[in-house]
């Protein structure tokens, strides 16, 4: 399994994720491994850097395991979905399963029911969501097809730098 962390594309919470993922691995039984890609964070690395790095880790896992499930939380849900769309478009095998926990799939700042729910959210207010999205993908790319997953130089994109930890 490849688990892609959330954090608004700008941060990660490895300490808490490691506890949860260790419990998942123990509950699943042997053999079960979880890869945790350490993708580049925004604003230093903007779209499509993290997407390409996650895709690179997925392709590496595919050479080592006949089955790969991809899970992502929040921004990680975006980074699980977008590479899957690229794989399907390229005719390559997609993940054997996708587990998306409250995925951030719409990054443009247009009004939506989800954004209305976050207007007064004390933990993740809408202004913070929009600020994180703008740090990841420039506003001029948020609209149209290119901002939805294209424009990254094909599958893999040739962007290196993602580390991976196995739990």
Foldseek 3Di string as FASTA:
>chain_A
DEEEEDDLLADGDCVVVVVVVVVVCVVVDPPDKYKYKPFDGWLVAAPPRRLLALLVVVVVVVVVDVAAEYEYEACGLLSLPLLQVLCVVVVHDHHPYYHYHNYPQQLAPDDDPVLVVQCPPPPQHSVNSNVSSCSHYPNVLNDDDCVNRDDQCGRSSPRDDIDMDMD
